Amino acid sequence: MIRLSRTPLRVSFFGGGTDYPDYFLHNEGMVVGTSVNLYIHIIASGMPDFCEHRYRILYSQSENVDQINEIKHPVIRAILSNENYREPLNLSIMSDVPSGTGLGSSSTFTVGFMNLIQSLKGVNASKYALAQSAIDIEQNILKENVGIQDQVHAAFGGLSRYSFKGDEFHVHPIKINSECQSVLDDSMFLVYTGVSRRATLSLDEQLKNTREKKIEKDLSHLITLCKQSISVFEQKSPDGLMRDLGKMLDEAWHTKRRLSSNISNSTIDEIYQFAKKVGVHGGKLCGAGAGGFFLFLAPNSLYTKLSEHFGSGNVVKISTENKGSQVIELNN
């Protein structure tokens, strides 16, 4: 039997930084964002008895081992051990984007692999349980310094407002009309900064600033933008959506830059300034900063101009998706 998990990456519009325990254990955290039509695919099949090893894992590296504790990939090792899954596995992992680009790929992978293993065990996990399991693996077992918006985006999918407080999170789907949804999907672009990074440097400073309440005002303002954006998304005018959302994204980016001194640099600033100059409505750097992708909201007619300046391979047209992580059974 061959099974495939397909799990979407995400972009957040507002609220990133308030989804870390350092913030939401003491305040209500909130994020508005959407999963998008870029995915991490994981294919799993059994291993025939005559194969030399019980586990064959292909990603940026190739692993062939006999014991779970010999697996180098930390998430795969942790989930197989935690779920007590002992069947031989042949795994192939494919991502539509590189890791470290601000689209939540690490947590997306955790959700997708957890969903796949649950399916192989015959468990139909709820979206809530799937997100919670992924959060537990990353925060409590692997001791990763991660927020929780990426796991929730990946599990649930769709355009939503997520709220976080204490040990709970809640999902509030945004009621956007079909015309505004279509215009939004036609207007979202990712521009690659050319830097794939681990966000540790900017994130460590940001979380230190959060604990010391140095950025309390800015984080609170991002929460305000989350709340204000709901009426913007749910308005009836597509032109108003682009105008108002663009202005708010611009405001969010300038707020985000104050969370850590490492979020932006001269190269990133030049990318944003050029995009604004040629007519994008607004935008922000995805993820914790320091590199990865910019999200821009722009008229579809600007695609050529952005591609000519940044290179066609560095400009990606994206749209929303609303299914979240799925497992598909493939015919042998």
C-alpha atoms as a PDB file:
ATOM      1  CA  MET A   1       0.000   0.000   0.000  1.00  0.00           C
ATOM      2  CA  ILE A   2       1.267   3.470  -0.896  1.00  0.00           C
ATOM      3  CA  ARG A   3       0.006   6.550   0.898  1.00  0.00           C
ATOM      4  CA  LEU A   4       0.705  10.210   0.287  1.00  0.00           C
ATOM      5  CA  SER A   5       0.275  13.082   2.698  1.00  0.00           C
ATOM      6  CA  ARG A   6      -0.121  16.515   1.153  1.00  0.00           C
ATOM      7  CA  THR A   7       0.152  19.367   3.615  1.00  0.00           C
ATOM      8  CA  PRO A   8      -0.027  23.080   2.733  1.00  0.00           C
ATOM      9  CA  LEU A   9       2.442  25.777   3.665  1.00  0.00           C
ATOM     10  CA  ARG A  10       1.121  29.086   4.959  1.00  0.00           C
ATOM     11  CA  VAL A  11       1.414  32.841   4.880  1.00  0.00           C
ATOM     12  CA  SER A  12       0.331  34.949   7.826  1.00  0.00           C
ATOM     13  CA  PHE A  13      -0.933  38.460   7.288  1.00  0.00           C
ATOM     14  CA  PHE A  14      -1.017  39.745  10.863  1.00  0.00           C
ATOM     15  CA  GLY A  15      -0.116  38.663  14.394  1.00  0.00           C
ATOM     16  CA  GLY A  16       3.070  36.654  13.877  1.00  0.00           C
ATOM     17  CA  GLY A  17       5.097  36.697  17.092  1.00  0.00           C
ATOM     18  CA  THR A  18       2.060  36.473  19.384  1.00  0.00           C
ATOM     19  CA  ASP A  19       1.762  32.707  18.800  1.00  0.00           C
ATOM     20  CA  TYR A  20       4.740  31.889  21.044  1.00  0.00           C
ATOM     21  CA  PRO A  21       4.169  30.678  24.625  1.00  0.00           C
ATOM     22  CA  ASP A  22       6.300  33.578  25.878  1.00  0.00           C
ATOM     23  CA  TYR A  23       3.395  35.788  24.806  1.00  0.00           C
ATOM     24  CA  PHE A  24       0.152  33.804  24.829  1.00  0.00           C
ATOM     25  CA  LEU A  25       0.658  32.235  28.244  1.00  0.00           C
ATOM     26  CA  HIS A  26       0.207  35.747  29.637  1.00  0.00           C
ATOM     27  CA  ASN A  27      -1.846  37.486  26.932  1.00  0.00           C
ATOM     28  CA  GLU A  28      -4.229  36.456  24.184  1.00  0.00           C
ATOM     29  CA  GLY A  29      -2.246  35.739  21.026  1.00  0.00           C
ATOM     30  CA  MET A  30      -3.810  36.032  17.598  1.00  0.00           C
ATOM     31  CA  VAL A  31      -2.874  35.406  13.959  1.00  0.00           C
ATOM     32  CA  VAL A  32      -4.735  36.023  10.713  1.00  0.00           C
ATOM     33  CA  GLY A  33      -3.405  34.025   7.799  1.00  0.00           C
ATOM     34  CA  THR A  34      -4.078  31.369   5.212  1.00  0.00           C
ATOM     35  CA  SER A  35      -2.699  28.107   3.951  1.00  0.00           C
ATOM     36  CA  VAL A  36      -1.581  28.357   0.327  1.00  0.00           C
ATOM     37  CA  ASN A  37      -1.219  26.134  -2.727  1.00  0.00           C
ATOM     38  CA  LEU A  38       2.370  25.168  -1.977  1.00  0.00           C
ATOM     39  CA  TYR A  39       2.836  21.805  -0.306  1.00  0.00           C
ATOM     40  CA  ILE A  40       5.062  19.291   1.402  1.00  0.00           C
ATOM     41  CA  HIS A  41       4.422  15.788   0.065  1.00  0.00           C
ATOM     42  CA  ILE A  42       5.441  12.649   1.939  1.00  0.00           C
ATOM     43  CA  ILE A  43       5.093   9.267   0.217  1.00  0.00           C
ATOM     44  CA  ALA A  44       5.142   6.109   2.332  1.00  0.00           C
ATOM     45  CA  SER A  45       5.196   2.474   1.303  1.00  0.00           C
ATOM     46  CA  GLY A  46       6.146  -0.755   3.007  1.00  0.00           C
ATOM     47  CA  MET A  47       9.548  -2.412   2.687  1.00  0.00           C
ATOM     48  CA  PRO A  48       9.739  -5.925   1.190  1.00  0.00           C
ATOM     49  CA  ASP A  49      11.277  -8.602   3.406  1.00  0.00           C
ATOM     50  CA  PHE A  50      14.270  -8.990   1.106  1.00  0.00           C
ATOM     51  CA  CYS A  51      15.365  -5.349   1.597  1.00  0.00           C
ATOM     52  CA  GLU A  52      18.573  -4.880   3.518  1.00  0.00           C
ATOM     53  CA  HIS A  53      17.186  -2.206   5.880  1.00  0.00           C
ATOM     54  CA  ARG A  54      13.860  -1.629   7.642  1.00  0.00           C
ATOM     55  CA  TYR A  55      13.784   2.132   7.052  1.00  0.00           C
ATOM     56  CA  ARG A  56      14.682   3.931   3.846  1.00  0.00           C
ATOM     57  CA  ILE A  57      14.219   7.725   4.034  1.00  0.00           C
ATOM     58  CA  LEU A  58      14.884  10.087   1.164  1.00  0.00           C
ATOM     59  CA  TYR A  59      14.920  13.879   1.661  1.00  0.00           C
ATOM     60  CA  SER A  60      17.883  16.247   1.256  1.00  0.00           C
ATOM     61  CA  GLN A  61      19.791  13.288   2.668  1.00  0.00           C
ATOM     62  CA  SER A  62      19.372   9.543   2.202  1.00  0.00           C
ATOM     63  CA  GLU A  63      19.041   7.285   5.227  1.00  0.00           C
ATOM     64  CA  ASN A  64      19.024   3.468   5.332  1.00  0.00           C
ATOM     65  CA  VAL A  65      18.788   2.143   8.894  1.00  0.00           C
ATOM     66  CA  ASP A  66      17.358  -0.751  10.883  1.00  0.00           C
ATOM     67  CA  GLN A  67      16.353   0.910  14.146  1.00  0.00           C
ATOM     68  CA  ILE A  68      14.209   3.969  14.834  1.00  0.00           C
ATOM     69  CA  ASN A  69      16.813   5.418  17.176  1.00  0.00           C
ATOM     70  CA  GLU A  70      19.313   5.337  14.301  1.00  0.00           C
ATOM     71  CA  ILE A  71      17.205   7.725  12.194  1.00  0.00           C
ATOM     72  CA  LYS A  72      18.878  11.128  11.926  1.00  0.00           C
ATOM     73  CA  HIS A  73      15.785  13.108  10.893  1.00  0.00           C
ATOM     74  CA  PRO A  74      14.561  14.365  14.299  1.00  0.00           C
ATOM     75  CA  VAL A  75      10.851  14.662  13.494  1.00  0.00           C
ATOM     76  CA  ILE A  76      10.606  11.247  11.833  1.00  0.00           C
ATOM     77  CA  ARG A  77      12.508   9.623  14.695  1.00  0.00           C
ATOM     78  CA  ALA A  78      10.385  11.367  17.341  1.00  0.00           C
ATOM     79  CA  ILE A  79       7.014  10.590  15.757  1.00  0.00           C
ATOM     80  CA  LEU A  80       7.779   6.926  15.013  1.00  0.00           C
ATOM     81  CA  SER A  81       8.991   6.460  18.577  1.00  0.00           C
ATOM     82  CA  ASN A  82       6.196   8.448  20.224  1.00  0.00           C
ATOM     83  CA  GLU A  83       3.490   6.737  18.163  1.00  0.00           C
ATOM     84  CA  ASN A  84       5.097   3.327  18.734  1.00  0.00           C
ATOM     85  CA  TYR A  85       4.999   2.641  14.992  1.00  0.00           C
ATOM     86  CA  ARG A  86       7.328  -0.261  14.238  1.00  0.00           C
ATOM     87  CA  GLU A  87       6.403  -1.289  10.683  1.00  0.00           C
ATOM     88  CA  PRO A  88       9.146  -1.027   8.018  1.00  0.00           C
ATOM     89  CA  LEU A  89       8.877   2.146   5.952  1.00  0.00           C
ATOM     90  CA  ASN A  90      10.077   3.511   2.650  1.00  0.00           C
ATOM     91  CA  LEU A  91       9.692   7.313   2.785  1.00  0.00           C
ATOM     92  CA  SER A  92      10.214  10.018   0.177  1.00  0.00           C
ATOM     93  CA  ILE A  93       9.813  13.698   1.064  1.00  0.00           C
ATOM     94  CA  MET A  94       9.271  16.478  -1.468  1.00  0.00           C
ATOM     95  CA  SER A  95       8.695  20.164  -0.814  1.00  0.00           C
ATOM     96  CA  ASP A  96       7.563  22.890  -3.213  1.00  0.00           C
ATOM     97  CA  VAL A  97       9.955  25.371  -1.528  1.00  0.00           C
ATOM     98  CA  PRO A  98      13.277  25.171   0.317  1.00  0.00           C
ATOM     99  CA  SER A  99      13.294  25.004   4.097  1.00  0.00           C
ATOM    100  CA  GLY A 100      14.059  28.170   6.025  1.00  0.00           C
ATOM    101  CA  THR A 101      12.013  30.468   3.791  1.00  0.00           C
ATOM    102  CA  GLY A 102       9.406  31.657   6.293  1.00  0.00           C
ATOM    103  CA  LEU A 103       6.424  29.606   5.135  1.00  0.00           C
ATOM    104  CA  GLY A 104       6.288  27.257   8.120  1.00  0.00           C
ATOM    105  CA  SER A 105       7.853  24.249   6.389  1.00  0.00           C
ATOM    106  CA  SER A 106       9.241  22.576   9.534  1.00  0.00           C
ATOM    107  CA  SER A 107       5.900  22.451  11.326  1.00  0.00           C
ATOM    108  CA  THR A 108       4.095  21.676   8.078  1.00  0.00           C
ATOM    109  CA  PHE A 109       6.280  18.599   7.739  1.00  0.00           C
ATOM    110  CA  THR A 110       5.538  17.575  11.336  1.00  0.00           C
ATOM    111  CA  VAL A 111       1.781  17.832  10.729  1.00  0.00           C
ATOM    112  CA  GLY A 112       2.012  15.954   7.426  1.00  0.00           C
ATOM    113  CA  PHE A 113       4.113  13.117   8.813  1.00  0.00           C
ATOM    114  CA  MET A 114       1.949  12.793  11.922  1.00  0.00           C
ATOM    115  CA  ASN A 115      -1.142  12.635   9.699  1.00  0.00           C
ATOM    116  CA  LEU A 116       0.503   9.962   7.551  1.00  0.00           C
ATOM    117  CA  ILE A 117       1.482   7.759  10.503  1.00  0.00           C
ATOM    118  CA  GLN A 118      -1.965   8.125  12.080  1.00  0.00           C
ATOM    119  CA  SER A 119      -3.484   7.013   8.771  1.00  0.00           C
ATOM    120  CA  LEU A 120      -1.151   3.999   8.546  1.00  0.00           C
ATOM    121  CA  LYS A 121      -2.284   3.063  12.066  1.00  0.00           C
ATOM    122  CA  GLY A 122      -5.930   3.270  10.979  1.00  0.00           C
ATOM    123  CA  VAL A 123      -6.614   6.422  13.024  1.00  0.00           C
ATOM    124  CA  ASN A 124      -8.692   9.233  11.506  1.00  0.00           C
ATOM    125  CA  ALA A 125      -7.314  12.090  13.592  1.00  0.00           C
ATOM    126  CA  SER A 126      -9.319  15.312  13.882  1.00  0.00           C
ATOM    127  CA  LYS A 127      -7.703  18.509  12.675  1.00  0.00           C
ATOM    128  CA  TYR A 128      -7.536  19.773  16.238  1.00  0.00           C
ATOM    129  CA  ALA A 129      -5.873  16.581  17.499  1.00  0.00           C
ATOM    130  CA  LEU A 130      -3.453  16.633  14.567  1.00  0.00           C
ATOM    131  CA  ALA A 131      -2.336  20.184  15.334  1.00  0.00           C
ATOM    132  CA  GLN A 132      -2.029  19.461  19.053  1.00  0.00           C
ATOM    133  CA  SER A 133       0.047  16.327  18.408  1.00  0.00           C
ATOM    134  CA  ALA A 134       2.431  18.241  16.140  1.00  0.00           C
ATOM    135  CA  ILE A 135       2.788  21.037  18.705  1.00  0.00           C
ATOM    136  CA  ASP A 136       3.537  18.472  21.416  1.00  0.00           C
ATOM    137  CA  ILE A 137       6.215  16.767  19.294  1.00  0.00           C
ATOM    138  CA  GLU A 138       7.981  20.027  18.485  1.00  0.00           C
ATOM    139  CA  GLN A 139       7.704  21.846  21.805  1.00  0.00           C
ATOM    140  CA  ASN A 140       7.738  19.089  24.420  1.00  0.00           C
ATOM    141  CA  ILE A 141       9.661  16.210  22.830  1.00  0.00           C
ATOM    142  CA  LEU A 142      12.090  17.941  20.484  1.00  0.00           C
ATOM    143  CA  LYS A 143      12.249  21.086  22.666  1.00  0.00           C
ATOM    144  CA  GLU A 144      12.109  23.308  19.577  1.00  0.00           C
ATOM    145  CA  ASN A 145      11.659  27.036  20.121  1.00  0.00           C
ATOM    146  CA  VAL A 146       8.600  27.319  17.862  1.00  0.00           C
ATOM    147  CA  GLY A 147       5.254  29.076  17.813  1.00  0.00           C
ATOM    148  CA  ILE A 148       1.994  27.252  17.175  1.00  0.00           C
ATOM    149  CA  GLN A 149       0.413  29.054  14.212  1.00  0.00           C
ATOM    150  CA  ASP A 150       2.209  26.915  11.597  1.00  0.00           C
ATOM    151  CA  GLN A 151       0.872  23.606  12.919  1.00  0.00           C
ATOM    152  CA  VAL A 152      -2.683  24.964  13.109  1.00  0.00           C
ATOM    153  CA  HIS A 153      -2.521  26.462   9.611  1.00  0.00           C
ATOM    154  CA  ALA A 154      -1.218  23.167   8.209  1.00  0.00           C
ATOM    155  CA  ALA A 155      -3.812  21.004   9.950  1.00  0.00           C
ATOM    156  CA  PHE A 156      -6.917  23.138   9.335  1.00  0.00           C
ATOM    157  CA  GLY A 157      -6.174  24.990   6.086  1.00  0.00           C
ATOM    158  CA  GLY A 158      -8.110  27.983   4.848  1.00  0.00           C
ATOM    159  CA  LEU A 159      -8.227  31.704   5.590  1.00  0.00           C
ATOM    160  CA  SER A 160      -8.848  32.120   9.321  1.00  0.00           C
ATOM    161  CA  ARG A 161      -8.229  34.062  12.471  1.00  0.00           C
ATOM    162  CA  TYR A 162      -6.547  31.916  15.120  1.00  0.00           C
ATOM    163  CA  SER A 163      -6.556  32.863  18.785  1.00  0.00           C
ATOM    164  CA  PHE A 164      -4.233  31.421  21.434  1.00  0.00           C
ATOM    165  CA  LYS A 165      -4.510  31.654  25.217  1.00  0.00           C
ATOM    166  CA  GLY A 166      -2.979  29.356  27.807  1.00  0.00           C
ATOM    167  CA  ASP A 167      -3.305  25.726  26.717  1.00  0.00           C
ATOM    168  CA  GLU A 168      -6.000  26.335  24.092  1.00  0.00           C
ATOM    169  CA  PHE A 169      -6.342  27.632  20.575  1.00  0.00           C
ATOM    170  CA  HIS A 170      -9.478  28.484  18.615  1.00  0.00           C
ATOM    171  CA  VAL A 171     -10.146  28.678  14.893  1.00  0.00           C
ATOM    172  CA  HIS A 172     -12.387  31.379  13.414  1.00  0.00           C
ATOM    173  CA  PRO A 173     -12.820  30.991   9.619  1.00  0.00           C
ATOM    174  CA  ILE A 174     -13.078  34.309   7.802  1.00  0.00           C
ATOM    175  CA  LYS A 175     -16.253  34.789   5.769  1.00  0.00           C
ATOM    176  CA  ILE A 176     -14.861  36.285   2.595  1.00  0.00           C
ATOM    177  CA  ASN A 177     -17.238  36.532  -0.386  1.00  0.00           C
ATOM    178  CA  SER A 178     -16.412  34.773  -3.654  1.00  0.00           C
ATOM    179  CA  GLU A 179     -15.551  37.944  -5.583  1.00  0.00           C
ATOM    180  CA  CYS A 180     -13.143  39.198  -2.920  1.00  0.00           C
ATOM    181  CA  GLN A 181     -11.684  35.687  -2.604  1.00  0.00           C
ATOM    182  CA  SER A 182     -10.994  35.612  -6.337  1.00  0.00           C
ATOM    183  CA  VAL A 183      -9.293  39.019  -6.294  1.00  0.00           C
ATOM    184  CA  LEU A 184      -7.211  38.024  -3.272  1.00  0.00           C
ATOM    185  CA  ASP A 185      -6.078  34.840  -5.022  1.00  0.00           C
ATOM    186  CA  ASP A 186      -5.127  36.822  -8.128  1.00  0.00           C
ATOM    187  CA  SER A 187      -3.086  39.315  -6.108  1.00  0.00           C
ATOM    188  CA  MET A 188      -0.730  37.280  -3.897  1.00  0.00           C
ATOM    189  CA  PHE A 189       2.927  36.951  -4.874  1.00  0.00           C
ATOM    190  CA  LEU A 190       5.969  35.597  -3.097  1.00  0.00           C
ATOM    191  CA  VAL A 191       9.357  37.134  -3.868  1.00  0.00           C
ATOM    192  CA  TYR A 192      12.411  35.204  -2.714  1.00  0.00           C
ATOM    193  CA  THR A 193      15.057  37.288  -0.964  1.00  0.00           C
ATOM    194  CA  GLY A 194      17.764  34.837  -1.977  1.00  0.00           C
ATOM    195  CA  VAL A 195      18.451  33.872   1.634  1.00  0.00           C
ATOM    196  CA  SER A 196      17.405  30.560   3.172  1.00  0.00           C
ATOM    197  CA  ARG A 197      17.986  30.817   6.890  1.00  0.00           C
ATOM    198  CA  ARG A 198      17.352  29.417  10.318  1.00  0.00           C
ATOM    199  CA  ALA A 199      15.574  32.216  12.118  1.00  0.00           C
ATOM    200  CA  THR A 200      17.309  31.590  15.438  1.00  0.00           C
ATOM    201  CA  LEU A 201      19.152  34.923  15.662  1.00  0.00           C
ATOM    202  CA  SER A 202      16.174  37.207  15.075  1.00  0.00           C
ATOM    203  CA  LEU A 203      13.824  34.895  16.972  1.00  0.00           C
ATOM    204  CA  ASP A 204      16.028  34.663  20.074  1.00  0.00           C
ATOM    205  CA  GLU A 205      16.179  38.454  20.312  1.00  0.00           C
ATOM    206  CA  GLN A 206      12.447  38.783  19.642  1.00  0.00           C
ATOM    207  CA  LEU A 207      11.499  36.287  22.357  1.00  0.00           C
ATOM    208  CA  LYS A 208      13.918  37.922  24.800  1.00  0.00           C
ATOM    209  CA  ASN A 209      12.260  41.262  24.022  1.00  0.00           C
ATOM    210  CA  THR A 210       8.851  39.603  24.517  1.00  0.00           C
ATOM    211  CA  ARG A 211       9.780  38.215  27.939  1.00  0.00           C
ATOM    212  CA  GLU A 212      11.206  41.552  29.005  1.00  0.00           C
ATOM    213  CA  LYS A 213       8.069  43.325  27.670  1.00  0.00           C
ATOM    214  CA  LYS A 214      10.165  45.617  25.468  1.00  0.00           C
ATOM    215  CA  ILE A 215       7.893  45.044  22.461  1.00  0.00           C
ATOM    216  CA  GLU A 216       4.572  44.736  24.287  1.00  0.00           C
ATOM    217  CA  LYS A 217       3.163  47.773  22.468  1.00  0.00           C
ATOM    218  CA  ASP A 218       4.132  46.453  19.027  1.00  0.00           C
ATOM    219  CA  LEU A 219       2.765  42.952  19.684  1.00  0.00           C
ATOM    220  CA  SER A 220      -0.441  44.486  20.996  1.00  0.00           C
ATOM    221  CA  HIS A 221      -0.685  46.553  17.812  1.00  0.00           C
ATOM    222  CA  LEU A 222      -0.359  43.388  15.700  1.00  0.00           C
ATOM    223  CA  ILE A 223      -3.293  41.937  17.653  1.00  0.00           C
ATOM    224  CA  THR A 224      -5.276  45.100  16.884  1.00  0.00           C
ATOM    225  CA  LEU A 225      -4.493  44.699  13.176  1.00  0.00           C
ATOM    226  CA  CYS A 226      -5.740  41.096  13.356  1.00  0.00           C
ATOM    227  CA  LYS A 227      -9.077  42.244  14.738  1.00  0.00           C
ATOM    228  CA  GLN A 228      -9.397  45.151  12.311  1.00  0.00           C
ATOM    229  CA  SER A 229      -8.577  42.959   9.319  1.00  0.00           C
ATOM    230  CA  ILE A 230     -11.710  40.827   9.732  1.00  0.00           C
ATOM    231  CA  SER A 231     -14.021  43.575   8.505  1.00  0.00           C
ATOM    232  CA  VAL A 232     -11.552  44.279   5.684  1.00  0.00           C
ATOM    233  CA  PHE A 233     -11.600  40.661   4.491  1.00  0.00           C
ATOM    234  CA  GLU A 234     -15.366  40.383   4.897  1.00  0.00           C
ATOM    235  CA  GLN A 235     -16.288  43.598   3.063  1.00  0.00           C
ATOM    236  CA  LYS A 236     -18.131  43.388  -0.252  1.00  0.00           C
ATOM    237  CA  SER A 237     -15.785  45.550  -2.348  1.00  0.00           C
ATOM    238  CA  PRO A 238     -12.790  43.785  -4.002  1.00  0.00           C
ATOM    239  CA  ASP A 239     -11.158  47.154  -4.713  1.00  0.00           C
ATOM    240  CA  GLY A 240     -11.619  48.160  -1.091  1.00  0.00           C
ATOM    241  CA  LEU A 241     -10.120  44.851   0.022  1.00  0.00           C
ATOM    242  CA  MET A 242      -6.941  45.404  -1.980  1.00  0.00           C
ATOM    243  CA  ARG A 243      -6.604  49.032  -0.898  1.00  0.00           C
ATOM    244  CA  ASP A 244      -7.295  48.492   2.797  1.00  0.00           C
ATOM    245  CA  LEU A 245      -5.441  45.193   3.153  1.00  0.00           C
ATOM    246  CA  GLY A 246      -2.405  46.615   1.358  1.00  0.00           C
ATOM    247  CA  LYS A 247      -2.224  49.564   3.766  1.00  0.00           C
ATOM    248  CA  MET A 248      -2.554  47.252   6.761  1.00  0.00           C
ATOM    249  CA  LEU A 249       0.171  44.912   5.473  1.00  0.00           C
ATOM    250  CA  ASP A 250       2.465  47.901   5.070  1.00  0.00           C
ATOM    251  CA  GLU A 251       1.706  48.945   8.634  1.00  0.00           C
ATOM    252  CA  ALA A 252       2.257  45.395   9.895  1.00  0.00           C
ATOM    253  CA  TRP A 253       5.652  45.187   8.170  1.00  0.00           C
ATOM    254  CA  HIS A 254       6.883  48.407   9.763  1.00  0.00           C
ATOM    255  CA  THR A 255       5.659  47.124  13.132  1.00  0.00           C
ATOM    256  CA  LYS A 256       7.291  43.731  12.656  1.00  0.00           C
ATOM    257  CA  ARG A 257      10.651  45.339  11.879  1.00  0.00           C
ATOM    258  CA  ARG A 258      10.707  46.693  15.444  1.00  0.00           C
ATOM    259  CA  LEU A 259      10.386  43.263  17.089  1.00  0.00           C
ATOM    260  CA  SER A 260      14.066  42.448  16.545  1.00  0.00           C
ATOM    261  CA  SER A 261      17.076  44.254  15.108  1.00  0.00           C
ATOM    262  CA  ASN A 262      17.804  41.170  12.978  1.00  0.00           C
ATOM    263  CA  ILE A 263      14.480  40.928  11.129  1.00  0.00           C
ATOM    264  CA  SER A 264      15.493  43.192   8.249  1.00  0.00           C
ATOM    265  CA  ASN A 265      18.659  44.461   6.559  1.00  0.00           C
ATOM    266  CA  SER A 266      19.585  46.729   3.660  1.00  0.00           C
ATOM    267  CA  THR A 267      18.963  44.027   1.024  1.00  0.00           C
ATOM    268  CA  ILE A 268      15.520  43.209   2.396  1.00  0.00           C
ATOM    269  CA  ASP A 269      14.662  46.906   2.682  1.00  0.00           C
ATOM    270  CA  GLU A 270      15.671  47.473  -0.953  1.00  0.00           C
ATOM    271  CA  ILE A 271      13.383  44.653  -2.111  1.00  0.00           C
ATOM    272  CA  TYR A 272      10.444  46.182  -0.279  1.00  0.00           C
ATOM    273  CA  GLN A 273      11.180  49.700  -1.480  1.00  0.00           C
ATOM    274  CA  PHE A 274      11.355  48.590  -5.117  1.00  0.00           C
ATOM    275  CA  ALA A 275       8.111  46.659  -4.846  1.00  0.00           C
ATOM    276  CA  LYS A 276       6.323  49.649  -3.351  1.00  0.00           C
ATOM    277  CA  LYS A 277       7.776  51.915  -6.021  1.00  0.00           C
ATOM    278  CA  VAL A 278       6.361  49.817  -8.875  1.00  0.00           C
ATOM    279  CA  GLY A 279       2.887  49.647  -7.360  1.00  0.00           C
ATOM    280  CA  VAL A 280       2.364  46.774  -4.926  1.00  0.00           C
ATOM    281  CA  HIS A 281      -0.464  47.450  -2.468  1.00  0.00           C
ATOM    282  CA  GLY A 282       1.605  46.262   0.497  1.00  0.00           C
ATOM    283  CA  GLY A 283       3.621  43.364   1.799  1.00  0.00           C
ATOM    284  CA  LYS A 284       5.636  41.800   4.608  1.00  0.00           C
ATOM    285  CA  LEU A 285       8.462  39.356   5.106  1.00  0.00           C
ATOM    286  CA  CYS A 286       7.191  35.876   5.913  1.00  0.00           C
ATOM    287  CA  GLY A 287       8.235  34.045   9.046  1.00  0.00           C
ATOM    288  CA  ALA A 288      10.624  35.313  11.705  1.00  0.00           C
ATOM    289  CA  GLY A 289      12.624  37.495   9.319  1.00  0.00           C
ATOM    290  CA  ALA A 290      16.223  37.774   8.114  1.00  0.00           C
ATOM    291  CA  GLY A 291      15.461  36.162   4.739  1.00  0.00           C
ATOM    292  CA  GLY A 292      13.058  33.796   3.049  1.00  0.00           C
ATOM    293  CA  PHE A 293      10.055  35.076   1.103  1.00  0.00           C
ATOM    294  CA  PHE A 294       8.321  38.427   0.933  1.00  0.00           C
ATOM    295  CA  LEU A 295       4.551  38.256   0.585  1.00  0.00           C
ATOM    296  CA  PHE A 296       3.270  41.007  -1.703  1.00  0.00           C
ATOM    297  CA  LEU A 297      -0.278  41.972  -2.504  1.00  0.00           C
ATOM    298  CA  ALA A 298      -0.164  43.401  -6.028  1.00  0.00           C
ATOM    299  CA  PRO A 299      -2.198  43.772  -9.218  1.00  0.00           C
ATOM    300  CA  ASN A 300      -1.752  40.710 -11.420  1.00  0.00           C
ATOM    301  CA  SER A 301      -0.364  43.006 -14.119  1.00  0.00           C
ATOM    302  CA  LEU A 302       2.775  43.559 -12.010  1.00  0.00           C
ATOM    303  CA  TYR A 303       3.913  39.936 -12.348  1.00  0.00           C
ATOM    304  CA  THR A 304       6.028  40.680 -15.417  1.00  0.00           C
ATOM    305  CA  LYS A 305       7.676  43.716 -13.844  1.00  0.00           C
ATOM    306  CA  LEU A 306       8.465  41.849 -10.627  1.00  0.00           C
ATOM    307  CA  SER A 307       9.808  38.873 -12.591  1.00  0.00           C
ATOM    308  CA  GLU A 308      12.026  41.042 -14.772  1.00  0.00           C
ATOM    309  CA  HIS A 309      13.559  42.740 -11.748  1.00  0.00           C
ATOM    310  CA  PHE A 310      13.879  39.822  -9.315  1.00  0.00           C
ATOM    311  CA  GLY A 311      14.129  36.963 -11.836  1.00  0.00           C
ATOM    312  CA  SER A 312      11.225  34.761 -12.877  1.00  0.00           C
ATOM    313  CA  GLY A 313      12.446  31.920 -10.679  1.00  0.00           C
ATOM    314  CA  ASN A 314      12.248  34.159  -7.606  1.00  0.00           C
ATOM    315  CA  VAL A 315       8.644  35.290  -8.068  1.00  0.00           C
ATOM    316  CA  VAL A 316       5.929  32.777  -7.188  1.00  0.00           C
ATOM    317  CA  LYS A 317       2.226  33.307  -7.782  1.00  0.00           C
ATOM    318  CA  ILE A 318       0.201  31.772  -4.960  1.00  0.00           C
ATOM    319  CA  SER A 319      -3.416  31.421  -3.922  1.00  0.00           C
ATOM    320  CA  THR A 320      -5.317  30.274  -0.849  1.00  0.00           C
ATOM    321  CA  GLU A 321      -6.284  26.665  -0.216  1.00  0.00           C
ATOM    322  CA  ASN A 322      -8.815  25.404   2.303  1.00  0.00           C
ATOM    323  CA  LYS A 323      -8.318  21.668   2.874  1.00  0.00           C
ATOM    324  CA  GLY A 324      -5.340  21.474   5.205  1.00  0.00           C
ATOM    325  CA  SER A 325      -3.332  18.275   5.554  1.00  0.00           C
ATOM    326  CA  GLN A 326      -4.696  15.306   3.625  1.00  0.00           C
ATOM    327  CA  VAL A 327      -3.718  11.657   3.245  1.00  0.00           C
ATOM    328  CA  ILE A 328      -4.385   9.998  -0.088  1.00  0.00           C
ATOM    329  CA  GLU A 329      -4.190   6.268  -0.777  1.00  0.00           C
ATOM    330  CA  LEU A 330      -2.453   5.514  -4.067  1.00  0.00           C
ATOM    331  CA  ASN A 331      -2.828   2.400  -6.181  1.00  0.00           C
ATOM    332  CA  ASN A 332       0.244   0.188  -6.430  1.00  0.00           C
END
